[in-house]
């Protein structure tokens, strides 16, 4: 058991520079299989490349992701190779990403990093089944997400100097919108209203700031039955899995490339909004009674973990937390619910802006403009409901 602290930026910078220097190799689009073999041999030279299997995951819309499986006479090893999407470094701070992964992996909240190359990285594979949108409202699964997110948020202590990333991210992405984008003027104009509205709410309610995932869509949540738990870490030599076990089903979060210090109520709002799925079906936005039930479960664990931290008994790894939570009042639930509601607008608008930027330079086979239009449509629909505008 230990009391957690916020990531020490200087310490992480030094640790990453020393332990994860960039391998001067670029995986070409024209020779992906050959390039991934080269990267694998460099980072994991003990693996036999003759018995390696590669499987590409096709669900992602930002990067190209490959699962690598190798076997010897005694063990079966797995790792992931991610090749960054075209110009995604404009949207994502890759240096911050690896620092986040290194820090989060200390608490079993992220895959362990193996190494990085010029246009990608190699990291541990977490066994399990990715969520589908319907899993996010499954009565047997959503409570696991609420508990794990409460631990994720509780693992850090945000000092007074910490600035939430929300508005900075908006402004960074809006600066990337090309002049030719037909929605550019409308997006910039509407953002002024959104920022003013959210700033007013933030000053009034003073929402909790912590290290957040910021992208908890269904595909970034992995379900593991009772026999498996998040591996607490591994070495480059083994990358062995299942070195930690839990008697209860669990979930894990993957793809922390957008993680940062942020408002926890935004992180929750974004997760709630993602229940509409990639198709952004308004009818699938969860009703108020479900959201309040979710919030109550989250708060019960967040309060329990806060108490454990104050006592110096905070679980040093997510897998060690088996708590049932503590009592939560209806007033506490209502207060957080009212805080989350306007942040759902921010979630729709943020990823709509992201999609417009991606449409301008991504080579991924995905209709980003259609996705953006769907998100902005929901944004305006919910704006009318929440603010009568």
Foldseek 3Di string as FASTA:
>chain_A
DFFAAAQDVVVLVVVCVVQAPADADAQDPVHNVVRVLVVLCVLAVVFDPVAKDWDWDQPDDFWTKIWIWTDDPPDIAIKMKIFGFPPCCLQFVVVVQLSVQCVCLQQLQEWAFRYHYDGIGMTFDWDFAFFDLVQCLDPQRVLQVLLLQLLQFNNYDDDPVDDACLVVSVVSLLVLQDPPDPCSVVLVVVVVVLVVVLVVVCVVQVFDKGWAQLAPARRQKGKDAQAADRASYDHSHGSDGRPDGGRGIHMHGYDSRVIDIHGSLLRLLLHLQNSCPLLSDVVRRDDPVSLLVSLQSNQQNNVVQVVCSVVRNRDSHSRPDPDRGHGDDPVRSVSSSVSNLSSNLSSLSSQLSVLSSCVVTGPGPDDSPSSSVSSVVVSVVSCCVPPVD
